[in-house]
PDBML (XML) file of the C-alpha atoms, coordinates in Angstrom:
<?xml version="1.0" encoding="UTF-8" ?>
<PDBx:datablock datablockName="MODEL"
   xmlns:PDBx="http://pdbml.pdb.org/schema/pdbx-v50.xsd"
   xmlns:xsi="http://www.w3.org/2001/XMLSchema-instance"
   xsi:schemaLocation="http://pdbml.pdb.org/schema/pdbx-v50.xsd pdbx-v50.xsd">
   <PDBx:atom_siteCategory>
      <PDBx:atom_site id="1">
         <PDBx:B_iso_or_equiv>0.00</PDBx:B_iso_or_equiv>
         <PDBx:Cartn_x>10.117</PDBx:Cartn_x>
         <PDBx:Cartn_y>-34.153</PDBx:Cartn_y>
         <PDBx:Cartn_z>10.694</PDBx:Cartn_z>
         <PDBx:auth_asym_id>A</PDBx:auth_asym_id>
         <PDBx:auth_atom_id>CA</PDBx:auth_atom_id>
         <PDBx:auth_comp_id>ILE</PDBx:auth_comp_id>
         <PDBx:auth_seq_id>1</PDBx:auth_seq_id>
         <PDBx:group_PDB>ATOM</PDBx:group_PDB>
         <PDBx:label_alt_id xsi:nil="true" />
         <PDBx:label_asym_id>A</PDBx:label_asym_id>
         <PDBx:label_atom_id>CA</PDBx:label_atom_id>
         <PDBx:label_comp_id>ILE</PDBx:label_comp_id>
         <PDBx:label_entity_id>1</PDBx:label_entity_id>
         <PDBx:label_seq_id>1</PDBx:label_seq_id>
         <PDBx:occupancy>1.00</PDBx:occupancy>
         <PDBx:pdbx_PDB_model_num>1</PDBx:pdbx_PDB_model_num>
         <PDBx:type_symbol>C</PDBx:type_symbol>
      </PDBx:atom_site>
      <PDBx:atom_site id="2">
         <PDBx:B_iso_or_equiv>0.00</PDBx:B_iso_or_equiv>
         <PDBx:Cartn_x>9.536</PDBx:Cartn_x>
         <PDBx:Cartn_y>-32.104</PDBx:Cartn_y>
         <PDBx:Cartn_z>7.518</PDBx:Cartn_z>
         <PDBx:auth_asym_id>A</PDBx:auth_asym_id>
         <PDBx:auth_atom_id>CA</PDBx:auth_atom_id>
         <PDBx:auth_comp_id>TYR</PDBx:auth_comp_id>
         <PDBx:auth_seq_id>2</PDBx:auth_seq_id>
         <PDBx:group_PDB>ATOM</PDBx:group_PDB>
         <PDBx:label_alt_id xsi:nil="true" />
         <PDBx:label_asym_id>A</PDBx:label_asym_id>
         <PDBx:label_atom_id>CA</PDBx:label_atom_id>
         <PDBx:label_comp_id>TYR</PDBx:label_comp_id>
         <PDBx:label_entity_id>1</PDBx:label_entity_id>
         <PDBx:label_seq_id>2</PDBx:label_seq_id>
         <PDBx:occupancy>1.00</PDBx:occupancy>
         <PDBx:pdbx_PDB_model_num>1</PDBx:pdbx_PDB_model_num>
         <PDBx:type_symbol>C</PDBx:type_symbol>
      </PDBx:atom_site>
      <PDBx:atom_site id="3">
         <PDBx:B_iso_or_equiv>0.00</PDBx:B_iso_or_equiv>
         <PDBx:Cartn_x>6.236</PDBx:Cartn_x>
         <PDBx:Cartn_y>-30.927</PDBx:Cartn_y>
         <PDBx:Cartn_z>6.032</PDBx:Cartn_z>
         <PDBx:auth_asym_id>A</PDBx:auth_asym_id>
         <PDBx:auth_atom_id>CA</PDBx:auth_atom_id>
         <PDBx:auth_comp_id>ASP</PDBx:auth_comp_id>
         <PDBx:auth_seq_id>3</PDBx:auth_seq_id>
         <PDBx:group_PDB>ATOM</PDBx:group_PDB>
         <PDBx:label_alt_id xsi:nil="true" />
         <PDBx:label_asym_id>A</PDBx:label_asym_id>
         <PDBx:label_atom_id>CA</PDBx:label_atom_id>
         <PDBx:label_comp_id>ASP</PDBx:label_comp_id>
         <PDBx:label_entity_id>1</PDBx:label_entity_id>
         <PDBx:label_seq_id>3</PDBx:label_seq_id>
         <PDBx:occupancy>1.00</PDBx:occupancy>
         <PDBx:pdbx_PDB_model_num>1</PDBx:pdbx_PDB_model_num>
         <PDBx:type_symbol>C</PDBx:type_symbol>
      </PDBx:atom_site>
      <PDBx:atom_site id="4">
         <PDBx:B_iso_or_equiv>0.00</PDBx:B_iso_or_equiv>
         <PDBx:Cartn_x>6.707</PDBx:Cartn_x>
         <PDBx:Cartn_y>-29.740</PDBx:Cartn_y>
         <PDBx:Cartn_z>2.478</PDBx:Cartn_z>
         <PDBx:auth_asym_id>A</PDBx:auth_asym_id>
         <PDBx:auth_atom_id>CA</PDBx:auth_atom_id>
         <PDBx:auth_comp_id>ARG</PDBx:auth_comp_id>
         <PDBx:auth_seq_id>4</PDBx:auth_seq_id>
         <PDBx:group_PDB>ATOM</PDBx:group_PDB>
         <PDBx:label_alt_id xsi:nil="true" />
         <PDBx:label_asym_id>A</PDBx:label_asym_id>
         <PDBx:label_atom_id>CA</PDBx:label_atom_id>
         <PDBx:label_comp_id>ARG</PDBx:label_comp_id>
         <PDBx:label_entity_id>1</PDBx:label_entity_id>
         <PDBx:label_seq_id>4</PDBx:label_seq_id>
         <PDBx:occupancy>1.00</PDBx:occupancy>
         <PDBx:pdbx_PDB_model_num>1</PDBx:pdbx_PDB_model_num>
         <PDBx:type_symbol>C</PDBx:type_symbol>
      </PDBx:atom_site>
      <PDBx:atom_site id="5">
         <PDBx:B_iso_or_equiv>0.00</PDBx:B_iso_or_equiv>
         <PDBx:Cartn_x>3.394</PDBx:Cartn_x>
         <PDBx:Cartn_y>-27.837</PDBx:Cartn_y>
         <PDBx:Cartn_z>2.498</PDBx:Cartn_z>
         <PDBx:auth_asym_id>A</PDBx:auth_asym_id>
         <PDBx:auth_atom_id>CA</PDBx:auth_atom_id>
         <PDBx:auth_comp_id>TYR</PDBx:auth_comp_id>
         <PDBx:auth_seq_id>5</PDBx:auth_seq_id>
         <PDBx:group_PDB>ATOM</PDBx:group_PDB>
         <PDBx:label_alt_id xsi:nil="true" />
         <PDBx:label_asym_id>A</PDBx:label_asym_id>
         <PDBx:label_atom_id>CA</PDBx:label_atom_id>
         <PDBx:label_comp_id>TYR</PDBx:label_comp_id>
         <PDBx:label_entity_id>1</PDBx:label_entity_id>
         <PDBx:label_seq_id>5</PDBx:label_seq_id>
         <PDBx:occupancy>1.00</PDBx:occupancy>
         <PDBx:pdbx_PDB_model_num>1</PDBx:pdbx_PDB_model_num>
         <PDBx:type_symbol>C</PDBx:type_symbol>
      </PDBx:atom_site>
      <PDBx:atom_site id="6">
         <PDBx:B_iso_or_equiv>0.00</PDBx:B_iso_or_equiv>
         <PDBx:Cartn_x>3.546</PDBx:Cartn_x>
         <PDBx:Cartn_y>-26.251</PDBx:Cartn_y>
         <PDBx:Cartn_z>5.912</PDBx:Cartn_z>
         <PDBx:auth_asym_id>A</PDBx:auth_asym_id>
         <PDBx:auth_atom_id>CA</PDBx:auth_atom_id>
         <PDBx:auth_comp_id>LYS</PDBx:auth_comp_id>
         <PDBx:auth_seq_id>6</PDBx:auth_seq_id>
         <PDBx:group_PDB>ATOM</PDBx:group_PDB>
         <PDBx:label_alt_id xsi:nil="true" />
         <PDBx:label_asym_id>A</PDBx:label_asym_id>
         <PDBx:label_atom_id>CA</PDBx:label_atom_id>
         <PDBx:label_comp_id>LYS</PDBx:label_comp_id>
         <PDBx:label_entity_id>1</PDBx:label_entity_id>
         <PDBx:label_seq_id>6</PDBx:label_seq_id>
         <PDBx:occupancy>1.00</PDBx:occupancy>
         <PDBx:pdbx_PDB_model_num>1</PDBx:pdbx_PDB_model_num>
         <PDBx:type_symbol>C</PDBx:type_symbol>
      </PDBx:atom_site>
      <PDBx:atom_site id="7">
         <PDBx:B_iso_or_equiv>0.00</PDBx:B_iso_or_equiv>
         <PDBx:Cartn_x>4.509</PDBx:Cartn_x>
         <PDBx:Cartn_y>-22.897</PDBx:Cartn_y>
         <PDBx:Cartn_z>4.368</PDBx:Cartn_z>
         <PDBx:auth_asym_id>A</PDBx:auth_asym_id>
         <PDBx:auth_atom_id>CA</PDBx:auth_atom_id>
         <PDBx:auth_comp_id>ALA</PDBx:auth_comp_id>
         <PDBx:auth_seq_id>7</PDBx:auth_seq_id>
         <PDBx:group_PDB>ATOM</PDBx:group_PDB>
         <PDBx:label_alt_id xsi:nil="true" />
         <PDBx:label_asym_id>A</PDBx:label_asym_id>
         <PDBx:label_atom_id>CA</PDBx:label_atom_id>
         <PDBx:label_comp_id>ALA</PDBx:label_comp_id>
         <PDBx:label_entity_id>1</PDBx:label_entity_id>
         <PDBx:label_seq_id>7</PDBx:label_seq_id>
         <PDBx:occupancy>1.00</PDBx:occupancy>
         <PDBx:pdbx_PDB_model_num>1</PDBx:pdbx_PDB_model_num>
         <PDBx:type_symbol>C</PDBx:type_symbol>
      </PDBx:atom_site>
      <PDBx:atom_site id="8">
         <PDBx:B_iso_or_equiv>0.00</PDBx:B_iso_or_equiv>
         <PDBx:Cartn_x>1.237</PDBx:Cartn_x>
         <PDBx:Cartn_y>-21.235</PDBx:Cartn_y>
         <PDBx:Cartn_z>3.238</PDBx:Cartn_z>
         <PDBx:auth_asym_id>A</PDBx:auth_asym_id>
         <PDBx:auth_atom_id>CA</PDBx:auth_atom_id>
         <PDBx:auth_comp_id>PRO</PDBx:auth_comp_id>
         <PDBx:auth_seq_id>8</PDBx:auth_seq_id>
         <PDBx:group_PDB>ATOM</PDBx:group_PDB>
         <PDBx:label_alt_id xsi:nil="true" />
         <PDBx:label_asym_id>A</PDBx:label_asym_id>
         <PDBx:label_atom_id>CA</PDBx:label_atom_id>
         <PDBx:label_comp_id>PRO</PDBx:label_comp_id>
         <PDBx:label_entity_id>1</PDBx:label_entity_id>
         <PDBx:label_seq_id>8</PDBx:label_seq_id>
         <PDBx:occupancy>1.00</PDBx:occupancy>
         <PDBx:pdbx_PDB_model_num>1</PDBx:pdbx_PDB_model_num>
         <PDBx:type_symbol>C</PDBx:type_symbol>
      </PDBx:atom_site>
      <PDBx:atom_site id="9">
         <PDBx:B_iso_or_equiv>0.00</PDBx:B_iso_or_equiv>
         <PDBx:Cartn_x>2.804</PDBx:Cartn_x>
         <PDBx:Cartn_y>-19.975</PDBx:Cartn_y>
         <PDBx:Cartn_z>-0.036</PDBx:Cartn_z>
         <PDBx:auth_asym_id>A</PDBx:auth_asym_id>
         <PDBx:auth_atom_id>CA</PDBx:auth_atom_id>
         <PDBx:auth_comp_id>GLU</PDBx:auth_comp_id>
         <PDBx:auth_seq_id>9</PDBx:auth_seq_id>
         <PDBx:group_PDB>ATOM</PDBx:group_PDB>
         <PDBx:label_alt_id xsi:nil="true" />
         <PDBx:label_asym_id>A</PDBx:label_asym_id>
         <PDBx:label_atom_id>CA</PDBx:label_atom_id>
         <PDBx:label_comp_id>GLU</PDBx:label_comp_id>
         <PDBx:label_entity_id>1</PDBx:label_entity_id>
         <PDBx:label_seq_id>9</PDBx:label_seq_id>
         <PDBx:occupancy>1.00</PDBx:occupancy>
         <PDBx:pdbx_PDB_model_num>1</PDBx:pdbx_PDB_model_num>
         <PDBx:type_symbol>C</PDBx:type_symbol>
      </PDBx:atom_site>
      <PDBx:atom_site id="10">
         <PDBx:B_iso_or_equiv>0.00</PDBx:B_iso_or_equiv>
         <PDBx:Cartn_x>3.138</PDBx:Cartn_x>
         <PDBx:Cartn_y>-23.576</PDBx:Cartn_y>
         <PDBx:Cartn_z>-1.262</PDBx:Cartn_z>
         <PDBx:auth_asym_id>A</PDBx:auth_asym_id>
         <PDBx:auth_atom_id>CA</PDBx:auth_atom_id>
         <PDBx:auth_comp_id>ARG</PDBx:auth_comp_id>
         <PDBx:auth_seq_id>10</PDBx:auth_seq_id>
         <PDBx:group_PDB>ATOM</PDBx:group_PDB>
         <PDBx:label_alt_id xsi:nil="true" />
         <PDBx:label_asym_id>A</PDBx:label_asym_id>
         <PDBx:label_atom_id>CA</PDBx:label_atom_id>
         <PDBx:label_comp_id>ARG</PDBx:label_comp_id>
         <PDBx:label_entity_id>1</PDBx:label_entity_id>
         <PDBx:label_seq_id>10</PDBx:label_seq_id>
         <PDBx:occupancy>1.00</PDBx:occupancy>
         <PDBx:pdbx_PDB_model_num>1</PDBx:pdbx_PDB_model_num>
         <PDBx:type_symbol>C</PDBx:type_symbol>
      </PDBx:atom_site>
      <PDBx:atom_site id="11">
         <PDBx:B_iso_or_equiv>0.00</PDBx:B_iso_or_equiv>
         <PDBx:Cartn_x>-0.594</PDBx:Cartn_x>
         <PDBx:Cartn_y>-24.159</PDBx:Cartn_y>
         <PDBx:Cartn_z>-0.886</PDBx:Cartn_z>
         <PDBx:auth_asym_id>A</PDBx:auth_asym_id>
         <PDBx:auth_atom_id>CA</PDBx:auth_atom_id>
         <PDBx:auth_comp_id>ASN</PDBx:auth_comp_id>
         <PDBx:auth_seq_id>11</PDBx:auth_seq_id>
         <PDBx:group_PDB>ATOM</PDBx:group_PDB>
         <PDBx:label_alt_id xsi:nil="true" />
         <PDBx:label_asym_id>A</PDBx:label_asym_id>
         <PDBx:label_atom_id>CA</PDBx:label_atom_id>
         <PDBx:label_comp_id>ASN</PDBx:label_comp_id>
         <PDBx:label_entity_id>1</PDBx:label_entity_id>
         <PDBx:label_seq_id>11</PDBx:label_seq_id>
         <PDBx:occupancy>1.00</PDBx:occupancy>
         <PDBx:pdbx_PDB_model_num>1</PDBx:pdbx_PDB_model_num>
         <PDBx:type_symbol>C</PDBx:type_symbol>
      </PDBx:atom_site>
      <PDBx:atom_site id="12">
         <PDBx:B_iso_or_equiv>0.00</PDBx:B_iso_or_equiv>
         <PDBx:Cartn_x>-1.631</PDBx:Cartn_x>
         <PDBx:Cartn_y>-21.133</PDBx:Cartn_y>
         <PDBx:Cartn_z>-2.952</PDBx:Cartn_z>
         <PDBx:auth_asym_id>A</PDBx:auth_asym_id>
         <PDBx:auth_atom_id>CA</PDBx:auth_atom_id>
         <PDBx:auth_comp_id>LYS</PDBx:auth_comp_id>
         <PDBx:auth_seq_id>12</PDBx:auth_seq_id>
         <PDBx:group_PDB>ATOM</PDBx:group_PDB>
         <PDBx:label_alt_id xsi:nil="true" />
         <PDBx:label_asym_id>A</PDBx:label_asym_id>
         <PDBx:label_atom_id>CA</PDBx:label_atom_id>
         <PDBx:label_comp_id>LYS</PDBx:label_comp_id>
         <PDBx:label_entity_id>1</PDBx:label_entity_id>
         <PDBx:label_seq_id>12</PDBx:label_seq_id>
         <PDBx:occupancy>1.00</PDBx:occupancy>
         <PDBx:pdbx_PDB_model_num>1</PDBx:pdbx_PDB_model_num>
         <PDBx:type_symbol>C</PDBx:type_symbol>
      </PDBx:atom_site>
      <PDBx:atom_site id="13">
         <PDBx:B_iso_or_equiv>0.00</PDBx:B_iso_or_equiv>
         <PDBx:Cartn_x>-2.594</PDBx:Cartn_x>
         <PDBx:Cartn_y>-21.622</PDBx:Cartn_y>
         <PDBx:Cartn_z>-6.635</PDBx:Cartn_z>
         <PDBx:auth_asym_id>A</PDBx:auth_asym_id>
         <PDBx:auth_atom_id>CA</PDBx:auth_atom_id>
         <PDBx:auth_comp_id>PRO</PDBx:auth_comp_id>
         <PDBx:auth_seq_id>13</PDBx:auth_seq_id>
         <PDBx:group_PDB>ATOM</PDBx:group_PDB>
         <PDBx:label_alt_id xsi:nil="true" />
         <PDBx:label_asym_id>A</PDBx:label_asym_id>
         <PDBx:label_atom_id>CA</PDBx:label_atom_id>
         <PDBx:label_comp_id>PRO</PDBx:label_comp_id>
         <PDBx:label_entity_id>1</PDBx:label_entity_id>
         <PDBx:label_seq_id>13</PDBx:label_seq_id>
         <PDBx:occupancy>1.00</PDBx:occupancy>
         <PDBx:pdbx_PDB_model_num>1</PDBx:pdbx_PDB_model_num>
         <PDBx:type_symbol>C</PDBx:type_symbol>
      </PDBx:atom_site>
      <PDBx:atom_site id="14">
         <PDBx:B_iso_or_equiv>0.00</PDBx:B_iso_or_equiv>
         <PDBx:Cartn_x>-0.688</PDBx:Cartn_x>
         <PDBx:Cartn_y>-19.781</PDBx:Cartn_y>
         <PDBx:Cartn_z>-9.337</PDBx:Cartn_z>
         <PDBx:auth_asym_id>A</PDBx:auth_asym_id>
         <PDBx:auth_atom_id>CA</PDBx:auth_atom_id>
         <PDBx:auth_comp_id>ASN</PDBx:auth_comp_id>
         <PDBx:auth_seq_id>14</PDBx:auth_seq_id>
         <PDBx:group_PDB>ATOM</PDBx:group_PDB>
         <PDBx:label_alt_id xsi:nil="true" />
         <PDBx:label_asym_id>A</PDBx:label_asym_id>
         <PDBx:label_atom_id>CA</PDBx:label_atom_id>
         <PDBx:label_comp_id>ASN</PDBx:label_comp_id>
         <PDBx:label_entity_id>1</PDBx:label_entity_id>
         <PDBx:label_seq_id>14</PDBx:label_seq_id>
         <PDBx:occupancy>1.00</PDBx:occupancy>
         <PDBx:pdbx_PDB_model_num>1</PDBx:pdbx_PDB_model_num>
         <PDBx:type_symbol>C</PDBx:type_symbol>
      </PDBx:atom_site>
      <PDBx:atom_site id="15">
         <PDBx:B_iso_or_equiv>0.00</PDBx:B_iso_or_equiv>
         <PDBx:Cartn_x>-3.189</PDBx:Cartn_x>
         <PDBx:Cartn_y>-17.148</PDBx:Cartn_y>
         <PDBx:Cartn_z>-10.531</PDBx:Cartn_z>
         <PDBx:auth_asym_id>A</PDBx:auth_asym_id>
         <PDBx:auth_atom_id>CA</PDBx:auth_atom_id>
         <PDBx:auth_comp_id>LEU</PDBx:auth_comp_id>
         <PDBx:auth_seq_id>15</PDBx:auth_seq_id>
         <PDBx:group_PDB>ATOM</PDBx:group_PDB>
         <PDBx:label_alt_id xsi:nil="true" />
         <PDBx:label_asym_id>A</PDBx:label_asym_id>
         <PDBx:label_atom_id>CA</PDBx:label_atom_id>
         <PDBx:label_comp_id>LEU</PDBx:label_comp_id>
         <PDBx:label_entity_id>1</PDBx:label_entity_id>
         <PDBx:label_seq_id>15</PDBx:label_seq_id>
         <PDBx:occupancy>1.00</PDBx:occupancy>
         <PDBx:pdbx_PDB_model_num>1</PDBx:pdbx_PDB_model_num>
         <PDBx:type_symbol>C</PDBx:type_symbol>
      </PDBx:atom_site>
      <PDBx:atom_site id="16">
         <PDBx:B_iso_or_equiv>0.00</PDBx:B_iso_or_equiv>
         <PDBx:Cartn_x>-1.524</PDBx:Cartn_x>
         <PDBx:Cartn_y>-16.799</PDBx:Cartn_y>
         <PDBx:Cartn_z>-13.921</PDBx:Cartn_z>
         <PDBx:auth_asym_id>A</PDBx:auth_asym_id>
         <PDBx:auth_atom_id>CA</PDBx:auth_atom_id>
         <PDBx:auth_comp_id>TYR</PDBx:auth_comp_id>
         <PDBx:auth_seq_id>16</PDBx:auth_seq_id>
         <PDBx:group_PDB>ATOM</PDBx:group_PDB>
         <PDBx:label_alt_id xsi:nil="true" />
         <PDBx:label_asym_id>A</PDBx:label_asym_id>
         <PDBx:label_atom_id>CA</PDBx:label_atom_id>
         <PDBx:label_comp_id>TYR</PDBx:label_comp_id>
         <PDBx:label_entity_id>1</PDBx:label_entity_id>
         <PDBx:label_seq_id>16</PDBx:label_seq_id>
         <PDBx:occupancy>1.00</PDBx:occupancy>
         <PDBx:pdbx_PDB_model_num>1</PDBx:pdbx_PDB_model_num>
         <PDBx:type_symbol>C</PDBx:type_symbol>
      </PDBx:atom_site>
      <PDBx:atom_site id="17">
         <PDBx:B_iso_or_equiv>0.00</PDBx:B_iso_or_equiv>
         <PDBx:Cartn_x>-0.844</PDBx:Cartn_x>
         <PDBx:Cartn_y>-20.378</PDBx:Cartn_y>
         <PDBx:Cartn_z>-14.952</PDBx:Cartn_z>
         <PDBx:auth_asym_id>A</PDBx:auth_asym_id>
         <PDBx:auth_atom_id>CA</PDBx:auth_atom_id>
         <PDBx:auth_comp_id>SER</PDBx:auth_comp_id>
         <PDBx:auth_seq_id>17</PDBx:auth_seq_id>
         <PDBx:group_PDB>ATOM</PDBx:group_PDB>
         <PDBx:label_alt_id xsi:nil="true" />
         <PDBx:label_asym_id>A</PDBx:label_asym_id>
         <PDBx:label_atom_id>CA</PDBx:label_atom_id>
         <PDBx:label_comp_id>SER</PDBx:label_comp_id>
         <PDBx:label_entity_id>1</PDBx:label_entity_id>
         <PDBx:label_seq_id>17</PDBx:label_seq_id>
         <PDBx:occupancy>1.00</PDBx:occupancy>
         <PDBx:pdbx_PDB_model_num>1</PDBx:pdbx_PDB_model_num>
         <PDBx:type_symbol>C</PDBx:type_symbol>
      </PDBx:atom_site>
      <PDBx:atom_site id="18">
         <PDBx:B_iso_or_equiv>0.00</PDBx:B_iso_or_equiv>
         <PDBx:Cartn_x>-3.238</PDBx:Cartn_x>
         <PDBx:Cartn_y>-23.321</PDBx:Cartn_y>
         <PDBx:Cartn_z>-15.192</PDBx:Cartn_z>
         <PDBx:auth_asym_id>A</PDBx:auth_asym_id>
         <PDBx:auth_atom_id>CA</PDBx:auth_atom_id>
         <PDBx:auth_comp_id>TRP</PDBx:auth_comp_id>
         <PDBx:auth_seq_id>18</PDBx:auth_seq_id>
         <PDBx:group_PDB>ATOM</PDBx:group_PDB>
         <PDBx:label_alt_id xsi:nil="true" />
         <PDBx:label_asym_id>A</PDBx:label_asym_id>
         <PDBx:label_atom_id>CA</PDBx:label_atom_id>
         <PDBx:label_comp_id>TRP</PDBx:label_comp_id>
         <PDBx:label_entity_id>1</PDBx:label_entity_id>
         <PDBx:label_seq_id>18</PDBx:label_seq_id>
         <PDBx:occupancy>1.00</PDBx:occupancy>
         <PDBx:pdbx_PDB_model_num>1</PDBx:pdbx_PDB_model_num>
         <PDBx:type_symbol>C</PDBx:type_symbol>
      </PDBx:atom_site>
      <PDBx:atom_site id="19">
         <PDBx:B_iso_or_equiv>0.00</PDBx:B_iso_or_equiv>
         <PDBx:Cartn_x>-0.232</PDBx:Cartn_x>
         <PDBx:Cartn_y>-25.416</PDBx:Cartn_y>
         <PDBx:Cartn_z>-16.301</PDBx:Cartn_z>
         <PDBx:auth_asym_id>A</PDBx:auth_asym_id>
         <PDBx:auth_atom_id>CA</PDBx:auth_atom_id>
         <PDBx:auth_comp_id>ARG</PDBx:auth_comp_id>
         <PDBx:auth_seq_id>19</PDBx:auth_seq_id>
         <PDBx:group_PDB>ATOM</PDBx:group_PDB>
         <PDBx:label_alt_id xsi:nil="true" />
         <PDBx:label_asym_id>A</PDBx:label_asym_id>
         <PDBx:label_atom_id>CA</PDBx:label_atom_id>
         <PDBx:label_comp_id>ARG</PDBx:label_comp_id>
         <PDBx:label_entity_id>1</PDBx:label_entity_id>
         <PDBx:label_seq_id>19</PDBx:label_seq_id>
         <PDBx:occupancy>1.00</PDBx:occupancy>
         <PDBx:pdbx_PDB_model_num>1</PDBx:pdbx_PDB_model_num>
         <PDBx:type_symbol>C</PDBx:type_symbol>
      </PDBx:atom_site>
      <PDBx:atom_site id="20">
         <PDBx:B_iso_or_equiv>0.00</PDBx:B_iso_or_equiv>
         <PDBx:Cartn_x>1.724</PDBx:Cartn_x>
         <PDBx:Cartn_y>-24.643</PDBx:Cartn_y>
         <PDBx:Cartn_z>-13.130</PDBx:Cartn_z>
         <PDBx:auth_asym_id>A</PDBx:auth_asym_id>
         <PDBx:auth_atom_id>CA</PDBx:auth_atom_id>
         <PDBx:auth_comp_id>ALA</PDBx:auth_comp_id>
         <PDBx:auth_seq_id>20</PDBx:auth_seq_id>
         <PDBx:group_PDB>ATOM</PDBx:group_PDB>
         <PDBx:label_alt_id xsi:nil="true" />
         <PDBx:label_asym_id>A</PDBx:label_asym_id>
         <PDBx:label_atom_id>CA</PDBx:label_atom_id>
         <PDBx:label_comp_id>ALA</PDBx:label_comp_id>
         <PDBx:label_entity_id>1</PDBx:label_entity_id>
         <PDBx:label_seq_id>20</PDBx:label_seq_id>
         <PDBx:occupancy>1.00</PDBx:occupancy>
         <PDBx:pdbx_PDB_model_num>1</PDBx:pdbx_PDB_model_num>
         <PDBx:type_symbol>C</PDBx:type_symbol>
      </PDBx:atom_site>
      <PDBx:atom_site id="21">
         <PDBx:B_iso_or_equiv>0.00</PDBx:B_iso_or_equiv>
         <PDBx:Cartn_x>-1.209</PDBx:Cartn_x>
         <PDBx:Cartn_y>-25.789</PDBx:Cartn_y>
         <PDBx:Cartn_z>-10.986</PDBx:Cartn_z>
         <PDBx:auth_asym_id>A</PDBx:auth_asym_id>
         <PDBx:auth_atom_id>CA</PDBx:auth_atom_id>
         <PDBx:auth_comp_id>ASN</PDBx:auth_comp_id>
         <PDBx:auth_seq_id>21</PDBx:auth_seq_id>
         <PDBx:group_PDB>ATOM</PDBx:group_PDB>
         <PDBx:label_alt_id xsi:nil="true" />
         <PDBx:label_asym_id>A</PDBx:label_asym_id>
         <PDBx:label_atom_id>CA</PDBx:label_atom_id>
         <PDBx:label_comp_id>ASN</PDBx:label_comp_id>
         <PDBx:label_entity_id>1</PDBx:label_entity_id>
         <PDBx:label_seq_id>21</PDBx:label_seq_id>
         <PDBx:occupancy>1.00</PDBx:occupancy>
         <PDBx:pdbx_PDB_model_num>1</PDBx:pdbx_PDB_model_num>
         <PDBx:type_symbol>C</PDBx:type_symbol>
      </PDBx:atom_site>
      <PDBx:atom_site id="22">
         <PDBx:B_iso_or_equiv>0.00</PDBx:B_iso_or_equiv>
         <PDBx:Cartn_x>-2.021</PDBx:Cartn_x>
         <PDBx:Cartn_y>-29.016</PDBx:Cartn_y>
         <PDBx:Cartn_z>-12.820</PDBx:Cartn_z>
         <PDBx:auth_asym_id>A</PDBx:auth_asym_id>
         <PDBx:auth_atom_id>CA</PDBx:auth_atom_id>
         <PDBx:auth_comp_id>ASN</PDBx:auth_comp_id>
         <PDBx:auth_seq_id>22</PDBx:auth_seq_id>
         <PDBx:group_PDB>ATOM</PDBx:group_PDB>
         <PDBx:label_alt_id xsi:nil="true" />
         <PDBx:label_asym_id>A</PDBx:label_asym_id>
         <PDBx:label_atom_id>CA</PDBx:label_atom_id>
         <PDBx:label_comp_id>ASN</PDBx:label_comp_id>
         <PDBx:label_entity_id>1</PDBx:label_entity_id>
         <PDBx:label_seq_id>22</PDBx:label_seq_id>
         <PDBx:occupancy>1.00</PDBx:occupancy>
         <PDBx:pdbx_PDB_model_num>1</PDBx:pdbx_PDB_model_num>
         <PDBx:type_symbol>C</PDBx:type_symbol>
      </PDBx:atom_site>
      <PDBx:atom_site id="23">
         <PDBx:B_iso_or_equiv>0.00</PDBx:B_iso_or_equiv>
         <PDBx:Cartn_x>1.094</PDBx:Cartn_x>
         <PDBx:Cartn_y>-30.439</PDBx:Cartn_y>
         <PDBx:Cartn_z>-14.494</PDBx:Cartn_z>
         <PDBx:auth_asym_id>A</PDBx:auth_asym_id>
         <PDBx:auth_atom_id>CA</PDBx:auth_atom_id>
         <PDBx:auth_comp_id>LEU</PDBx:auth_comp_id>
         <PDBx:auth_seq_id>23</PDBx:auth_seq_id>
         <PDBx:group_PDB>ATOM</PDBx:group_PDB>
         <PDBx:label_alt_id xsi:nil="true" />
         <PDBx:label_asym_id>A</PDBx:label_asym_id>
         <PDBx:label_atom_id>CA</PDBx:label_atom_id>
         <PDBx:label_comp_id>LEU</PDBx:label_comp_id>
         <PDBx:label_entity_id>1</PDBx:label_entity_id>
         <PDBx:label_seq_id>23</PDBx:label_seq_id>
         <PDBx:occupancy>1.00</PDBx:occupancy>
         <PDBx:pdbx_PDB_model_num>1</PDBx:pdbx_PDB_model_num>
         <PDBx:type_symbol>C</PDBx:type_symbol>
      </PDBx:atom_site>
      <PDBx:atom_site id="24">
         <PDBx:B_iso_or_equiv>0.00</PDBx:B_iso_or_equiv>
         <PDBx:Cartn_x>4.169</PDBx:Cartn_x>
         <PDBx:Cartn_y>-32.099</PDBx:Cartn_y>
         <PDBx:Cartn_z>-13.019</PDBx:Cartn_z>
         <PDBx:auth_asym_id>A</PDBx:auth_asym_id>
         <PDBx:auth_atom_id>CA</PDBx:auth_atom_id>
         <PDBx:auth_comp_id>PHE</PDBx:auth_comp_id>
         <PDBx:auth_seq_id>24</PDBx:auth_seq_id>
         <PDBx:group_PDB>ATOM</PDBx:group_PDB>
         <PDBx:label_alt_id xsi:nil="true" />
         <PDBx:label_asym_id>A</PDBx:label_asym_id>
         <PDBx:label_atom_id>CA</PDBx:label_atom_id>
         <PDBx:label_comp_id>PHE</PDBx:label_comp_id>
         <PDBx:label_entity_id>1</PDBx:label_entity_id>
         <PDBx:label_seq_id>24</PDBx:label_seq_id>
         <PDBx:occupancy>1.00</PDBx:occupancy>
         <PDBx:pdbx_PDB_model_num>1</PDBx:pdbx_PDB_model_num>
         <PDBx:type_symbol>C</PDBx:type_symbol>
      </PDBx:atom_site>
   </PDBx:atom_siteCategory>
</PDBx:datablock>
């Protein structure tokens, strides 16, 4: 009923932060 990652923006990596992509 709800897909958290359906929006394409939520599947894109953060180009300016390795921390944002890999840490909780």
